[in-house]
Amino acid sequence: MRGCDKAAAAGVLLALGAAANLPARADGFDLAVPAASVPAVPARVDEAGIAGFLGTWARAVAAARATQPSWSSPVVTTTGLLEQRVRFDVQQQNAKGGQQTTGFDGGRGVDLIVGPTTEIQIAAAPYLTRTTPDGKGDAGGLADWPFLRLEQRLASSPASAGNYVLTAWVQAQAPTGIAPFGSHAWTFQPTLAFGKGWGDFDIQGTVSATLPASRDAVLGHPMQSNVAFQYNLWTLLWPELEVSWTYYPDGARGGRNTVYLAPGLVVGKIPLAND
């Protein structure tokens, strides 16, 4: 029986080898796969293709910036200029009674210019810590996450011409915040940003409204305006004064107003390498 099995197996191998037209060997047929039938594996990524894509993108970004003013971004007020950058903020607020709140990131993130007049922002969730004199109100954790902003520049002109910008955007915010820092509702914030310059002096501002998808009886529909007054000194220095005003027409704070004045100094832009 064993002899028959071996003979049958040999017959099968011979038939397969003949059907595949494989070269014969002294002890049977060579079943190795020919090298030509193995697909070639790329030795490395097409670096020229990646470099070409990045070069084309860089030229498109430069072209988009060339059609707008070259002001500095204010500390608080969000600029209407198209920007390509990574931004990380740390903020500290001292309130009445000794309460201190520190915020890390502040909803900033990565700004990308994706078209001649279009920008997107992908942000991280802010992290806040709060301390009180008696320790009873201490807290730390994530705040609500303004994860995406879609921005469209409506009109602009560089400093050599009209020296102005007009931009609109909408930002979506997810309710990721813990109890002391969160709204517990999805919100959307449409915004109109503007700016006008006269020589070394410029004014940049925004007007926005917060539209909650739920809990609007509590959260209301607050309206906010920010205006920054800047003056450029010796190319790198931008002393400024910002005014932030929020009005609550309804909700738990209906009829109330808050106003903040923020003097500041921006240093930049500092080139790190030659173009």
C-alpha atoms as a PDB file:
ATOM      1  CA  MET A   1       0.000   0.000   0.000  1.00  0.00           C
ATOM      2  CA  ARG A   2       2.827   2.375   0.798  1.00  0.00           C
ATOM      3  CA  GLY A   3       4.399   1.712  -2.594  1.00  0.00           C
ATOM      4  CA  CYS A   4       1.099   2.500  -4.282  1.00  0.00           C
ATOM      5  CA  ASP A   5       0.729   5.729  -2.300  1.00  0.00           C
ATOM      6  CA  LYS A   6       4.188   6.875  -3.331  1.00  0.00           C
ATOM      7  CA  ALA A   7       3.517   6.028  -6.938  1.00  0.00           C
ATOM      8  CA  ALA A   8       0.226   7.927  -6.862  1.00  0.00           C
ATOM      9  CA  ALA A   9       1.859  10.975  -5.296  1.00  0.00           C
ATOM     10  CA  ALA A  10       4.607  10.925  -7.881  1.00  0.00           C
ATOM     11  CA  GLY A  11       2.014  10.743 -10.603  1.00  0.00           C
ATOM     12  CA  VAL A  12       0.215  13.801  -9.232  1.00  0.00           C
ATOM     13  CA  LEU A  13       3.456  15.757  -9.058  1.00  0.00           C
ATOM     14  CA  LEU A  14       4.342  14.783 -12.596  1.00  0.00           C
ATOM     15  CA  ALA A  15       0.945  15.860 -13.829  1.00  0.00           C
ATOM     16  CA  LEU A  16       1.146  19.216 -12.048  1.00  0.00           C
ATOM     17  CA  GLY A  17       4.640  19.829 -13.297  1.00  0.00           C
ATOM     18  CA  ALA A  18       3.701  19.035 -16.856  1.00  0.00           C
ATOM     19  CA  ALA A  19       0.632  21.255 -16.700  1.00  0.00           C
ATOM     20  CA  ALA A  20       2.670  24.158 -15.349  1.00  0.00           C
ATOM     21  CA  ASN A  21       5.466  23.530 -17.845  1.00  0.00           C
ATOM     22  CA  LEU A  22       8.045  23.422 -15.037  1.00  0.00           C
ATOM     23  CA  PRO A  23      11.637  22.391 -15.775  1.00  0.00           C
ATOM     24  CA  ALA A  24      12.464  18.786 -14.930  1.00  0.00           C
ATOM     25  CA  ARG A  25      15.072  17.824 -12.367  1.00  0.00           C
ATOM     26  CA  ALA A  26      16.762  14.517 -11.755  1.00  0.00           C
ATOM     27  CA  ASP A  27      14.532  13.826  -8.765  1.00  0.00           C
ATOM     28  CA  GLY A  28      11.307  15.251 -10.260  1.00  0.00           C
ATOM     29  CA  PHE A  29      10.120  18.741 -11.221  1.00  0.00           C
ATOM     30  CA  ASP A  30      11.386  22.084  -9.896  1.00  0.00           C
ATOM     31  CA  LEU A  31       8.411  23.606  -8.009  1.00  0.00           C
ATOM     32  CA  ALA A  32      10.169  26.902  -7.161  1.00  0.00           C
ATOM     33  CA  VAL A  33       8.306  30.016  -8.313  1.00  0.00           C
ATOM     34  CA  PRO A  34      10.228  31.803 -11.082  1.00  0.00           C
ATOM     35  CA  ALA A  35      11.752  35.092  -9.906  1.00  0.00           C
ATOM     36  CA  ALA A  36      10.091  37.011 -12.735  1.00  0.00           C
ATOM     37  CA  SER A  37       6.619  36.222 -11.330  1.00  0.00           C
ATOM     38  CA  VAL A  38       7.322  37.864  -7.924  1.00  0.00           C
ATOM     39  CA  PRO A  39       6.066  41.487  -7.884  1.00  0.00           C
ATOM     40  CA  ALA A  40       8.772  44.050  -7.272  1.00  0.00           C
ATOM     41  CA  VAL A  41       8.650  45.873  -3.918  1.00  0.00           C
ATOM     42  CA  PRO A  42       9.538  49.590  -4.020  1.00  0.00           C
ATOM     43  CA  ALA A  43      12.850  50.177  -2.332  1.00  0.00           C
ATOM     44  CA  ARG A  44      11.764  53.558  -0.898  1.00  0.00           C
ATOM     45  CA  VAL A  45       8.968  56.103  -0.926  1.00  0.00           C
ATOM     46  CA  ASP A  46       8.858  58.442  -3.900  1.00  0.00           C
ATOM     47  CA  GLU A  47      10.620  61.361  -2.249  1.00  0.00           C
ATOM     48  CA  ALA A  48      10.377  63.496  -5.372  1.00  0.00           C
ATOM     49  CA  GLY A  49       6.584  63.162  -5.309  1.00  0.00           C
ATOM     50  CA  ILE A  50       6.312  64.230  -1.658  1.00  0.00           C
ATOM     51  CA  ALA A  51       8.737  67.101  -2.143  1.00  0.00           C
ATOM     52  CA  GLY A  52       6.806  68.225  -5.195  1.00  0.00           C
ATOM     53  CA  PHE A  53       3.507  68.183  -3.301  1.00  0.00           C
ATOM     54  CA  LEU A  54       4.942  70.146  -0.372  1.00  0.00           C
ATOM     55  CA  GLY A  55       6.563  72.632  -2.732  1.00  0.00           C
ATOM     56  CA  THR A  56       3.290  73.211  -4.579  1.00  0.00           C
ATOM     57  CA  TRP A  57       1.468  73.663  -1.261  1.00  0.00           C
ATOM     58  CA  ALA A  58       4.088  76.126   0.019  1.00  0.00           C
ATOM     59  CA  ARG A  59       3.740  78.222  -3.137  1.00  0.00           C
ATOM     60  CA  ALA A  60      -0.057  78.220  -2.791  1.00  0.00           C
ATOM     61  CA  VAL A  61       0.230  79.355   0.855  1.00  0.00           C
ATOM     62  CA  ALA A  62       2.629  82.152  -0.118  1.00  0.00           C
ATOM     63  CA  ALA A  63       0.235  83.275  -2.876  1.00  0.00           C
ATOM     64  CA  ALA A  64      -2.703  83.346  -0.423  1.00  0.00           C
ATOM     65  CA  ARG A  65      -0.722  85.431   2.077  1.00  0.00           C
ATOM     66  CA  ALA A  66       0.485  87.842  -0.600  1.00  0.00           C
ATOM     67  CA  THR A  67      -3.089  89.054  -1.156  1.00  0.00           C
ATOM     68  CA  GLN A  68      -3.676  90.130   2.474  1.00  0.00           C
ATOM     69  CA  PRO A  69      -2.022  92.415   5.070  1.00  0.00           C
ATOM     70  CA  SER A  70       0.936  91.182   7.134  1.00  0.00           C
ATOM     71  CA  TRP A  71      -0.252  92.221  10.603  1.00  0.00           C
ATOM     72  CA  SER A  72       0.552  90.286  13.736  1.00  0.00           C
ATOM     73  CA  SER A  73      -2.126  88.064  15.285  1.00  0.00           C
ATOM     74  CA  PRO A  74      -3.504  89.641  18.486  1.00  0.00           C
ATOM     75  CA  VAL A  75      -3.216  87.775  21.780  1.00  0.00           C
ATOM     76  CA  VAL A  76      -6.976  87.375  22.401  1.00  0.00           C
ATOM     77  CA  THR A  77      -8.818  88.514  19.283  1.00  0.00           C
ATOM     78  CA  THR A  78      -8.783  85.894  16.514  1.00  0.00           C
ATOM     79  CA  THR A  79      -7.341  87.400  13.348  1.00  0.00           C
ATOM     80  CA  GLY A  80      -9.220  87.371  10.061  1.00  0.00           C
ATOM     81  CA  LEU A  81      -5.959  86.746   8.188  1.00  0.00           C
ATOM     82  CA  LEU A  82      -5.294  83.315   6.720  1.00  0.00           C
ATOM     83  CA  GLU A  83      -2.555  81.652   8.760  1.00  0.00           C
ATOM     84  CA  GLN A  84      -0.588  78.401   8.598  1.00  0.00           C
ATOM     85  CA  ARG A  85       0.827  77.622  12.022  1.00  0.00           C
ATOM     86  CA  VAL A  86       0.693  75.653  15.246  1.00  0.00           C
ATOM     87  CA  ARG A  87      -0.429  77.684  18.261  1.00  0.00           C
ATOM     88  CA  PHE A  88      -0.445  76.761  21.961  1.00  0.00           C
ATOM     89  CA  ASP A  89      -1.619  79.222  24.626  1.00  0.00           C
ATOM     90  CA  VAL A  90      -1.382  79.283  28.421  1.00  0.00           C
ATOM     91  CA  GLN A  91      -3.770  81.628  30.241  1.00  0.00           C
ATOM     92  CA  GLN A  92      -4.243  82.538  33.895  1.00  0.00           C
ATOM     93  CA  GLN A  93      -7.141  84.430  35.440  1.00  0.00           C
ATOM     94  CA  ASN A  94      -7.366  85.781  38.986  1.00  0.00           C
ATOM     95  CA  ALA A  95     -10.927  86.320  40.165  1.00  0.00           C
ATOM     96  CA  LYS A  96     -12.460  88.023  43.158  1.00  0.00           C
ATOM     97  CA  GLY A  97     -11.988  86.128  46.411  1.00  0.00           C
ATOM     98  CA  GLY A  98      -8.642  84.585  45.472  1.00  0.00           C
ATOM     99  CA  GLN A  99      -9.873  82.079  42.899  1.00  0.00           C
ATOM    100  CA  GLN A 100      -7.319  81.304  40.197  1.00  0.00           C
ATOM    101  CA  THR A 101      -7.985  79.549  36.884  1.00  0.00           C
ATOM    102  CA  THR A 102      -5.250  78.392  34.502  1.00  0.00           C
ATOM    103  CA  GLY A 103      -5.988  77.209  30.973  1.00  0.00           C
ATOM    104  CA  PHE A 104      -3.681  75.210  28.745  1.00  0.00           C
ATOM    105  CA  ASP A 105      -4.103  75.500  24.955  1.00  0.00           C
ATOM    106  CA  GLY A 106      -7.324  77.546  25.007  1.00  0.00           C
ATOM    107  CA  GLY A 107      -8.792  75.718  22.030  1.00  0.00           C
ATOM    108  CA  ARG A 108      -5.967  76.680  19.676  1.00  0.00           C
ATOM    109  CA  GLY A 109      -4.352  74.151  17.412  1.00  0.00           C
ATOM    110  CA  VAL A 110      -3.166  73.670  13.844  1.00  0.00           C
ATOM    111  CA  ASP A 111      -4.175  76.233  11.201  1.00  0.00           C
ATOM    112  CA  LEU A 112      -3.859  75.070   7.605  1.00  0.00           C
ATOM    113  CA  ILE A 113      -4.364  77.119   4.435  1.00  0.00           C
ATOM    114  CA  VAL A 114      -6.078  74.683   2.063  1.00  0.00           C
ATOM    115  CA  GLY A 115      -7.097  77.053  -0.742  1.00  0.00           C
ATOM    116  CA  PRO A 116      -6.532  80.562  -2.101  1.00  0.00           C
ATOM    117  CA  THR A 117      -9.090  81.969   0.382  1.00  0.00           C
ATOM    118  CA  THR A 118      -9.788  78.994   2.683  1.00  0.00           C
ATOM    119  CA  GLU A 119      -8.359  77.839   6.010  1.00  0.00           C
ATOM    120  CA  ILE A 120      -9.232  75.075   8.460  1.00  0.00           C
ATOM    121  CA  GLN A 121      -8.293  74.782  12.120  1.00  0.00           C
ATOM    122  CA  ILE A 122      -8.021  71.479  13.959  1.00  0.00           C
ATOM    123  CA  ALA A 123      -7.757  72.118  17.685  1.00  0.00           C
ATOM    124  CA  ALA A 124      -7.161  70.145  20.855  1.00  0.00           C
ATOM    125  CA  ALA A 125      -9.436  70.204  23.890  1.00  0.00           C
ATOM    126  CA  PRO A 126      -8.358  72.826  26.482  1.00  0.00           C
ATOM    127  CA  TYR A 127      -7.307  71.662  29.949  1.00  0.00           C
ATOM    128  CA  LEU A 128      -8.231  73.880  32.924  1.00  0.00           C
ATOM    129  CA  THR A 129      -7.253  73.934  36.581  1.00  0.00           C
ATOM    130  CA  ARG A 130      -8.976  75.995  39.272  1.00  0.00           C
ATOM    131  CA  THR A 131      -7.815  76.675  42.819  1.00  0.00           C
ATOM    132  CA  THR A 132      -9.654  78.432  45.655  1.00  0.00           C
ATOM    133  CA  PRO A 133      -8.400  79.659  49.052  1.00  0.00           C
ATOM    134  CA  ASP A 134     -10.347  77.030  51.021  1.00  0.00           C
ATOM    135  CA  GLY A 135      -9.757  74.249  48.495  1.00  0.00           C
ATOM    136  CA  LYS A 136     -13.437  73.360  48.245  1.00  0.00           C
ATOM    137  CA  GLY A 137     -13.779  74.639  44.701  1.00  0.00           C
ATOM    138  CA  ASP A 138     -10.560  73.128  43.354  1.00  0.00           C
ATOM    139  CA  ALA A 139     -10.963  71.308  40.058  1.00  0.00           C
ATOM    140  CA  GLY A 140      -8.978  70.175  37.056  1.00  0.00           C
ATOM    141  CA  GLY A 141      -9.928  68.591  33.750  1.00  0.00           C
ATOM    142  CA  LEU A 142     -10.925  69.081  30.148  1.00  0.00           C
ATOM    143  CA  ALA A 143     -13.135  71.924  28.969  1.00  0.00           C
ATOM    144  CA  ASP A 144     -15.412  71.834  25.921  1.00  0.00           C
ATOM    145  CA  TRP A 145     -13.553  70.974  22.719  1.00  0.00           C
ATOM    146  CA  PRO A 146     -13.707  73.431  19.760  1.00  0.00           C
ATOM    147  CA  PHE A 147     -12.391  70.727  17.473  1.00  0.00           C
ATOM    148  CA  LEU A 148     -12.987  72.233  14.013  1.00  0.00           C
ATOM    149  CA  ARG A 149     -13.182  75.683  12.421  1.00  0.00           C
ATOM    150  CA  LEU A 150     -13.919  76.316   8.739  1.00  0.00           C
ATOM    151  CA  GLU A 151     -12.787  79.753   7.556  1.00  0.00           C
ATOM    152  CA  GLN A 152     -13.484  81.596   4.304  1.00  0.00           C
ATOM    153  CA  ARG A 153     -11.806  84.904   3.472  1.00  0.00           C
ATOM    154  CA  LEU A 154     -14.351  87.105   1.717  1.00  0.00           C
ATOM    155  CA  ALA A 155     -12.183  90.070   0.736  1.00  0.00           C
ATOM    156  CA  SER A 156      -8.637  91.259   1.326  1.00  0.00           C
ATOM    157  CA  SER A 157      -5.928  93.564   0.093  1.00  0.00           C
ATOM    158  CA  PRO A 158      -2.222  93.814   1.026  1.00  0.00           C
ATOM    159  CA  ALA A 159      -0.669  96.828   2.722  1.00  0.00           C
ATOM    160  CA  SER A 160       0.510  98.156  -0.637  1.00  0.00           C
ATOM    161  CA  ALA A 161      -3.126  98.614  -1.689  1.00  0.00           C
ATOM    162  CA  GLY A 162      -6.269  98.810   0.484  1.00  0.00           C
ATOM    163  CA  ASN A 163      -4.725  97.133   3.568  1.00  0.00           C
ATOM    164  CA  TYR A 164      -7.876  95.358   4.802  1.00  0.00           C
ATOM    165  CA  VAL A 165      -9.416  91.913   5.356  1.00  0.00           C
ATOM    166  CA  LEU A 166     -12.939  90.531   5.775  1.00  0.00           C
ATOM    167  CA  THR A 167     -13.433  86.874   6.773  1.00  0.00           C
ATOM    168  CA  ALA A 168     -16.246  84.580   7.923  1.00  0.00           C
ATOM    169  CA  TRP A 169     -16.023  81.250   9.735  1.00  0.00           C
ATOM    170  CA  VAL A 170     -17.997  78.774  11.787  1.00  0.00           C
ATOM    171  CA  GLN A 171     -16.602  76.735  14.673  1.00  0.00           C
ATOM    172  CA  ALA A 172     -18.062  73.529  16.108  1.00  0.00           C
ATOM    173  CA  GLN A 173     -17.573  72.667  19.787  1.00  0.00           C
ATOM    174  CA  ALA A 174     -18.158  69.294  21.447  1.00  0.00           C
ATOM    175  CA  PRO A 175     -19.370  68.990  25.095  1.00  0.00           C
ATOM    176  CA  THR A 176     -16.274  67.246  26.459  1.00  0.00           C
ATOM    177  CA  GLY A 177     -15.833  69.467  29.528  1.00  0.00           C
ATOM    178  CA  ILE A 178     -16.177  68.254  33.090  1.00  0.00           C
ATOM    179  CA  ALA A 179     -18.949  69.705  35.282  1.00  0.00           C
ATOM    180  CA  PRO A 180     -17.236  72.967  36.381  1.00  0.00           C
ATOM    181  CA  PHE A 181     -15.915  73.794  32.911  1.00  0.00           C
ATOM    182  CA  GLY A 182     -18.410  72.369  30.416  1.00  0.00           C
ATOM    183  CA  SER A 183     -21.674  73.553  28.856  1.00  0.00           C
ATOM    184  CA  HIS A 184     -22.990  69.983  28.376  1.00  0.00           C
ATOM    185  CA  ALA A 185     -24.248  70.904  24.903  1.00  0.00           C
ATOM    186  CA  TRP A 186     -22.971  70.998  21.351  1.00  0.00           C
ATOM    187  CA  THR A 187     -22.478  74.594  20.241  1.00  0.00           C
ATOM    188  CA  PHE A 188     -21.772  76.364  16.960  1.00  0.00           C
ATOM    189  CA  GLN A 189     -20.191  79.798  16.672  1.00  0.00           C
ATOM    190  CA  PRO A 190     -20.559  81.749  13.411  1.00  0.00           C
ATOM    191  CA  THR A 191     -18.135  84.689  13.290  1.00  0.00           C
ATOM    192  CA  LEU A 192     -17.417  87.682  11.089  1.00  0.00           C
ATOM    193  CA  ALA A 193     -13.846  89.021  11.331  1.00  0.00           C
ATOM    194  CA  PHE A 194     -12.547  92.286   9.933  1.00  0.00           C
ATOM    195  CA  GLY A 195      -9.419  94.400   9.869  1.00  0.00           C
ATOM    196  CA  LYS A 196      -8.145  97.698   8.473  1.00  0.00           C
ATOM    197  CA  GLY A 197      -4.680  99.196   8.508  1.00  0.00           C
ATOM    198  CA  TRP A 198      -3.267 102.697   8.106  1.00  0.00           C
ATOM    199  CA  GLY A 199       0.499 102.543   7.825  1.00  0.00           C
ATOM    200  CA  ASP A 200       1.906 101.001  11.016  1.00  0.00           C
ATOM    201  CA  PHE A 201      -1.464 101.116  12.820  1.00  0.00           C
ATOM    202  CA  ASP A 202      -4.216  98.528  12.413  1.00  0.00           C
ATOM    203  CA  ILE A 203      -7.542  97.521  13.942  1.00  0.00           C
ATOM    204  CA  GLN A 204      -8.652  93.879  13.965  1.00  0.00           C
ATOM    205  CA  GLY A 205     -11.978  92.666  15.307  1.00  0.00           C
ATOM    206  CA  THR A 206     -14.592  89.911  15.413  1.00  0.00           C
ATOM    207  CA  VAL A 207     -18.339  89.734  15.972  1.00  0.00           C
ATOM    208  CA  SER A 208     -19.820  86.344  16.865  1.00  0.00           C
ATOM    209  CA  ALA A 209     -22.771  84.534  18.413  1.00  0.00           C
ATOM    210  CA  THR A 210     -22.848  81.196  20.239  1.00  0.00           C
ATOM    211  CA  LEU A 211     -25.688  78.895  19.181  1.00  0.00           C
ATOM    212  CA  PRO A 212     -26.218  75.871  21.452  1.00  0.00           C
ATOM    213  CA  ALA A 213     -27.892  72.767  20.020  1.00  0.00           C
ATOM    214  CA  SER A 214     -29.579  72.088  23.388  1.00  0.00           C
ATOM    215  CA  ARG A 215     -30.011  73.620  26.877  1.00  0.00           C
ATOM    216  CA  ASP A 216     -30.512  77.042  25.243  1.00  0.00           C
ATOM    217  CA  ALA A 217     -32.893  78.093  28.038  1.00  0.00           C
ATOM    218  CA  VAL A 218     -29.902  77.939  30.399  1.00  0.00           C
ATOM    219  CA  LEU A 219     -27.001  78.772  28.092  1.00  0.00           C
ATOM    220  CA  GLY A 220     -28.812  81.420  26.076  1.00  0.00           C
ATOM    221  CA  HIS A 221     -27.351  82.861  22.881  1.00  0.00           C
ATOM    222  CA  PRO A 222     -24.453  85.087  23.983  1.00  0.00           C
ATOM    223  CA  MET A 223     -23.059  87.630  21.541  1.00  0.00           C
ATOM    224  CA  GLN A 224     -19.403  88.584  21.662  1.00  0.00           C
ATOM    225  CA  SER A 225     -17.245  91.276  20.111  1.00  0.00           C
ATOM    226  CA  ASN A 226     -13.455  91.618  20.267  1.00  0.00           C
ATOM    227  CA  VAL A 227     -11.435  94.547  18.961  1.00  0.00           C
ATOM    228  CA  ALA A 228      -7.635  94.853  18.977  1.00  0.00           C
ATOM    229  CA  PHE A 229      -5.765  98.128  18.372  1.00  0.00           C
ATOM    230  CA  GLN A 230      -2.163  97.526  17.288  1.00  0.00           C
ATOM    231  CA  TYR A 231       0.858  99.619  16.359  1.00  0.00           C
ATOM    232  CA  ASN A 232       4.006  98.229  14.742  1.00  0.00           C
ATOM    233  CA  LEU A 233       7.346  99.421  16.151  1.00  0.00           C
ATOM    234  CA  TRP A 234      10.771  98.533  14.707  1.00  0.00           C
ATOM    235  CA  THR A 235       9.331  95.690  12.622  1.00  0.00           C
ATOM    236  CA  LEU A 236       9.124  93.086  15.438  1.00  0.00           C
ATOM    237  CA  LEU A 237       7.195  94.890  18.210  1.00  0.00           C
ATOM    238  CA  TRP A 238       3.383  95.110  18.238  1.00  0.00           C
ATOM    239  CA  PRO A 239       2.034  96.876  21.358  1.00  0.00           C
ATOM    240  CA  GLU A 240      -1.728  96.491  21.531  1.00  0.00           C
ATOM    241  CA  LEU A 241      -4.911  97.104  23.501  1.00  0.00           C
ATOM    242  CA  GLU A 242      -7.791  94.658  23.191  1.00  0.00           C
ATOM    243  CA  VAL A 243     -11.408  95.117  24.246  1.00  0.00           C
ATOM    244  CA  SER A 244     -13.667  92.079  24.727  1.00  0.00           C
ATOM    245  CA  TRP A 245     -17.414  92.548  25.233  1.00  0.00           C
ATOM    246  CA  THR A 246     -20.003  89.792  25.796  1.00  0.00           C
ATOM    247  CA  TYR A 247     -23.742  90.367  25.995  1.00  0.00           C
ATOM    248  CA  TYR A 248     -26.260  87.757  27.176  1.00  0.00           C
ATOM    249  CA  PRO A 249     -29.683  88.542  25.656  1.00  0.00           C
ATOM    250  CA  ASP A 250     -31.323  85.482  27.244  1.00  0.00           C
ATOM    251  CA  GLY A 251     -30.617  82.350  29.280  1.00  0.00           C
ATOM    252  CA  ALA A 252     -29.531  82.180  32.905  1.00  0.00           C
ATOM    253  CA  ARG A 253     -27.449  85.368  32.509  1.00  0.00           C
ATOM    254  CA  GLY A 254     -30.017  87.234  30.435  1.00  0.00           C
ATOM    255  CA  GLY A 255     -29.465  91.002  30.371  1.00  0.00           C
ATOM    256  CA  ARG A 256     -25.893  90.886  31.690  1.00  0.00           C
ATOM    257  CA  ASN A 257     -22.688  92.245  30.105  1.00  0.00           C
ATOM    258  CA  THR A 258     -19.010  91.585  30.647  1.00  0.00           C
ATOM    259  CA  VAL A 259     -16.165  93.800  29.409  1.00  0.00           C
ATOM    260  CA  TYR A 260     -12.421  93.023  29.534  1.00  0.00           C
ATOM    261  CA  LEU A 261      -9.497  95.296  28.672  1.00  0.00           C
ATOM    262  CA  ALA A 262      -6.250  93.531  27.796  1.00  0.00           C
ATOM    263  CA  PRO A 263      -3.060  95.500  27.085  1.00  0.00           C
ATOM    264  CA  GLY A 264      -0.337  93.394  25.504  1.00  0.00           C
ATOM    265  CA  LEU A 265       2.827  93.192  23.464  1.00  0.00           C
ATOM    266  CA  VAL A 266       3.425  90.771  20.582  1.00  0.00           C
ATOM    267  CA  VAL A 267       6.999  90.118  19.415  1.00  0.00           C
ATOM    268  CA  GLY A 268       7.362  88.733  15.895  1.00  0.00           C
ATOM    269  CA  LYS A 269       7.456  87.449  13.319  1.00  0.00           C
ATOM    270  CA  ILE A 270      11.010  86.173  13.767  1.00  0.00           C
ATOM    271  CA  PRO A 271      12.407  84.277  10.743  1.00  0.00           C
ATOM    272  CA  LEU A 272      14.143  81.050  11.725  1.00  0.00           C
ATOM    273  CA  ALA A 273      15.509  80.149   8.288  1.00  0.00           C
ATOM    274  CA  ASN A 274      15.894  81.644   4.846  1.00  0.00           C
ATOM    275  CA  ASP A 275      13.112  80.890   2.363  1.00  0.00           C
END
